[in-house]
Protein backbone atom coordinates (compact mmCIF):
# COMPACT_ATOMS: atom_id res chain seq x y z
CA MET A 1 67.53 83.89 99.99
CA LEU A 2 69.16 84.90 96.71
CA CYS A 3 66.48 87.54 96.14
CA SER A 4 67.06 88.86 99.65
CA PHE A 5 70.75 89.31 98.91
CA TRP A 6 69.79 91.06 95.67
CA LEU A 7 67.80 93.45 97.85
CA VAL A 8 70.97 94.18 99.86
CA HIS A 9 72.77 94.91 96.58
CA CYS A 10 69.96 97.24 95.46
CA LEU A 11 70.02 99.15 98.76
CA VAL A 12 73.76 99.62 98.30
CA GLY A 13 73.12 100.94 94.79
CA LEU A 14 70.66 103.46 96.25
CA ASN A 15 73.35 104.52 98.77
CA ARG A 16 71.16 103.32 101.66
CA LEU A 17 74.14 101.64 103.27
CA GLU A 18 72.86 101.47 106.85
CA GLU A 19 69.71 99.64 105.72
CA ALA A 20 71.79 97.35 103.52
CA GLU A 21 74.13 96.45 106.38
CA GLU A 22 71.26 95.82 108.81
CA LEU A 23 69.54 93.49 106.32
CA LEU A 24 72.82 91.74 105.55
CA HIS A 25 73.34 90.96 109.24
CA ARG A 26 69.79 89.58 109.50
CA LEU A 27 70.44 87.34 106.51
CA GLU A 28 73.78 86.18 107.89
CA ALA A 29 71.96 84.97 110.99
CA THR A 30 70.12 82.37 108.87
CA ALA A 31 73.35 80.48 108.10
CA ASN A 32 74.11 77.31 110.02
CA HIS A 33 77.04 76.80 112.38
CA LEU A 34 79.33 76.23 109.38
CA GLY A 35 78.28 79.47 107.71
CA LEU A 36 76.28 77.70 104.98
CA PHE A 37 73.03 79.03 103.51
CA ALA A 38 70.00 77.19 102.19
CA GLU A 39 67.85 78.05 99.18
CA GLU A 40 65.08 79.49 101.38
CA TYR A 41 64.42 80.27 105.02
CA ASP A 42 61.18 79.87 107.00
CA LEU A 43 60.71 82.91 109.23
CA VAL A 44 57.99 81.22 111.33
CA TRP A 45 59.73 77.94 112.05
CA ARG A 46 63.17 79.57 111.87
CA GLU A 47 64.70 76.82 109.78
CA PRO A 48 66.28 76.48 106.31
CA LEU A 49 64.23 75.11 103.42
CA GLY A 50 64.92 73.83 99.90
CA ASN A 51 68.31 72.90 98.48
CA PHE A 52 71.12 72.92 101.01
CA PRO A 53 73.72 74.23 100.69
CA GLN A 54 72.62 76.44 97.82
CA ALA A 55 75.44 77.82 95.63
CA PHE A 56 73.34 80.68 94.21
CA THR A 57 72.60 81.93 97.72
CA HIS A 58 76.31 82.02 98.51
CA ILE A 59 77.07 83.89 95.28
CA GLY A 60 74.43 86.46 96.19
CA TYR A 61 75.92 86.74 99.68
CA LEU A 62 79.47 87.34 98.41
CA ASN A 63 78.31 89.90 95.84
CA SER A 64 76.30 91.86 98.40
CA VAL A 65 79.18 91.86 100.91
CA ALA A 66 81.62 93.08 98.23
CA ALA A 67 79.19 95.80 97.10
CA LEU A 68 78.64 97.03 100.65
CA GLN A 69 82.34 97.09 101.53
CA GLN A 70 83.21 99.01 98.39
CA ALA A 71 80.41 101.51 98.88
CA LYS A 72 81.48 102.14 102.48
CA ALA A 73 85.09 102.62 101.35
CA ALA A 74 83.92 105.01 98.61
CA ARG A 75 81.93 107.02 101.14
CA THR A 76 85.05 107.30 103.31
CA ARG A 77 87.25 108.30 100.37
CA GLY A 78 84.82 111.00 99.31
CA PRO A 79 86.39 112.22 96.03
CA TRP A 80 86.26 108.71 94.54
CA ALA A 81 82.54 108.33 95.10
CA ARG A 82 80.17 109.46 92.34
CA LYS A 83 78.62 112.72 93.48
CA ASP A 84 76.28 113.25 90.55
CA LYS A 85 73.64 110.72 91.66
CA GLY A 86 74.94 109.80 95.10
CA MET A 87 75.90 106.37 93.77
CA PRO A 88 78.93 104.48 95.06
CA TRP A 89 82.10 104.04 93.06
CA MET A 90 81.65 101.32 90.42
CA PHE A 91 82.98 97.79 90.75
CA PHE A 92 85.50 97.67 87.90
CA GLN A 93 86.63 101.27 87.60
CA LYS A 94 90.42 101.52 87.50
CA ILE A 95 92.16 103.77 90.01
CA LEU A 96 95.08 105.95 88.96
CA LEU A 97 97.03 106.03 92.22
CA ASN A 98 99.59 108.65 91.13
CA ASP A 99 97.07 111.15 89.80
CA GLY A 100 98.40 114.73 89.89
CA GLU A 101 101.20 116.89 88.55
CA PRO A 102 104.86 115.78 88.77
CA THR A 103 107.20 118.01 90.75
CA GLU A 104 110.71 116.85 89.74
CA GLU A 105 112.62 114.68 87.30
CA ILE A 106 114.10 111.59 88.93
CA PRO A 107 116.33 109.06 87.14
CA PRO A 108 114.59 105.67 86.78
CA GLN A 109 117.45 103.95 88.61
CA GLU A 110 116.53 105.99 91.71
CA MET A 111 112.77 106.25 91.37
CA ALA A 112 111.50 102.84 92.44
CA ALA A 113 114.11 102.60 95.20
CA ARG A 114 113.01 105.98 96.61
CA LEU A 115 109.38 104.94 96.47
CA LYS A 116 110.14 101.70 98.29
CA THR A 117 112.22 103.49 100.93
CA THR A 118 109.47 106.03 101.57
CA MET A 119 106.88 103.26 101.75
CA ASN A 120 108.98 101.29 104.24
CA THR A 121 109.31 104.44 106.36
CA LEU A 122 105.54 104.81 106.25
CA ARG A 123 104.98 101.21 107.27
CA GLY A 124 107.43 101.57 110.14
CA ALA A 125 105.59 104.63 111.41
CA PHE A 126 102.34 102.66 111.63
CA PHE A 127 103.73 99.39 112.96
CA GLU A 128 101.68 98.32 115.97
CA PRO A 129 102.98 96.39 119.03
CA SER A 130 100.84 93.42 117.99
CA GLY A 131 102.98 93.09 114.84
CA ARG A 132 100.26 94.43 112.55
CA VAL A 133 100.76 97.41 110.21
CA ALA A 134 97.78 99.80 110.39
CA TYR A 135 97.46 100.57 106.67
CA GLU A 136 93.97 102.01 107.12
CA ARG A 137 95.38 104.88 109.25
CA MET A 138 98.10 105.96 106.84
CA ALA A 139 96.12 108.01 104.30
CA GLN A 140 96.05 111.21 106.36
CA SER A 141 99.69 111.12 107.41
CA GLU A 142 102.36 113.56 106.25
CA ILE A 143 104.66 110.71 105.16
CA TYR A 144 101.93 109.37 102.88
CA GLN A 145 101.48 112.81 101.31
CA ASP A 146 105.22 112.86 100.59
CA PHE A 147 104.90 109.43 99.03
CA LEU A 148 102.03 110.64 96.80
CA LYS A 149 104.12 113.57 95.53
CA LEU A 150 106.99 111.23 94.79
CA SER A 151 104.80 108.72 92.92
CA ARG A 152 103.50 111.45 90.58
CA ASN A 153 107.02 111.83 89.19
CA LEU A 154 106.64 108.42 87.54
CA LYS A 155 104.68 110.24 84.82
CA THR A 156 107.70 112.09 83.46
CA MET A 157 110.31 109.42 84.10
CA ASN A 158 112.19 108.15 81.05
CA LEU A 159 112.22 104.34 81.04
CA ARG A 160 114.95 104.36 78.39
CA GLY A 161 117.32 105.17 81.22
CA LEU A 162 116.98 101.54 82.31
CA THR A 163 119.47 99.81 80.03
CA ARG A 164 120.68 96.72 81.89
CA ARG A 165 118.45 93.73 82.61
CA GLU A 166 119.26 93.94 86.33
CA GLU A 167 118.12 97.57 86.44
CA LYS A 168 114.84 96.76 84.73
CA MET A 169 114.13 93.84 87.04
CA ALA A 170 114.92 95.87 90.16
CA PHE A 171 112.70 98.71 88.96
CA TRP A 172 109.61 96.64 88.17
CA ILE A 173 109.87 94.36 91.22
CA ASN A 174 110.20 97.35 93.55
CA LEU A 175 107.37 99.13 91.78
CA TYR A 176 105.08 96.11 92.02
CA ASN A 177 105.61 95.88 95.79
CA VAL A 178 104.97 99.60 96.15
CA ILE A 179 101.80 99.78 94.05
CA VAL A 180 100.15 96.95 95.98
CA ILE A 181 100.69 98.67 99.33
CA HIS A 182 99.73 102.04 97.81
CA GLY A 183 96.46 100.51 96.64
CA VAL A 184 95.80 99.04 100.08
CA ILE A 185 96.24 102.47 101.69
CA ALA A 186 94.25 104.39 99.06
CA LEU A 187 91.29 102.00 99.27
CA GLY A 188 91.22 101.92 103.05
CA ILE A 189 91.79 98.17 103.22
CA ARG A 190 92.23 96.84 106.73
CA ASP A 191 93.01 93.13 106.52
CA SER A 192 93.15 91.75 102.97
CA VAL A 193 93.06 92.87 99.33
CA LYS A 194 90.11 90.46 99.03
CA GLU A 195 88.06 93.25 100.61
CA VAL A 196 88.14 95.00 97.20
CA TRP A 197 86.71 93.24 94.18
CA ASN A 198 89.30 92.62 91.43
CA PHE A 199 91.97 94.58 93.33
CA PHE A 200 94.99 93.69 91.18
CA ARG A 201 93.27 94.60 87.91
CA ARG A 202 92.15 97.98 89.16
CA VAL A 203 95.08 99.75 90.82
CA GLN A 204 97.48 101.37 88.36
CA TYR A 205 100.26 103.90 87.94
CA GLN A 206 100.82 106.19 84.97
CA ILE A 207 104.43 105.88 83.84
């Protein structure tokens, strides 16, 4: 079973995502009613064999799911996928969310607050009747493009303008909340940051 999940991972690496997903679903069907995998699976008798549950099988399963989800997100993003060899965006590559040229100089006391206000406006625009915020639909919106332009101004902002402890705390707390949501939108996450391997170590701003 572990080798079969390695095959899923290899198909992802070859950018054969449809084949990888089809095989992954076939392998998922071998789990029991609790979602647990065995060491092996007998295709004739249709029953698990060997050690049960097998930790290595589950590790292979999680790795193949993470690889497939990231490759599909990279294909959707387009510019963040590697175009030279058709390979998906690598697991641990950091993402500069505010990439691009700044357009204005904004005092640090205002910057994080403006980012947070714009982000809250964006979230309100995509608030669904069910109570869910549709982050995965935000990337193409005009409000999000305004937010991107604003975030690029972090590059030229002078942090020395933050002199009081309260100002510094307000700035970094607001910025932390903003960068997490920004990362969720940029990566096309639908339900949880767990969809992206090592999410919190990868998203970053240049300040």
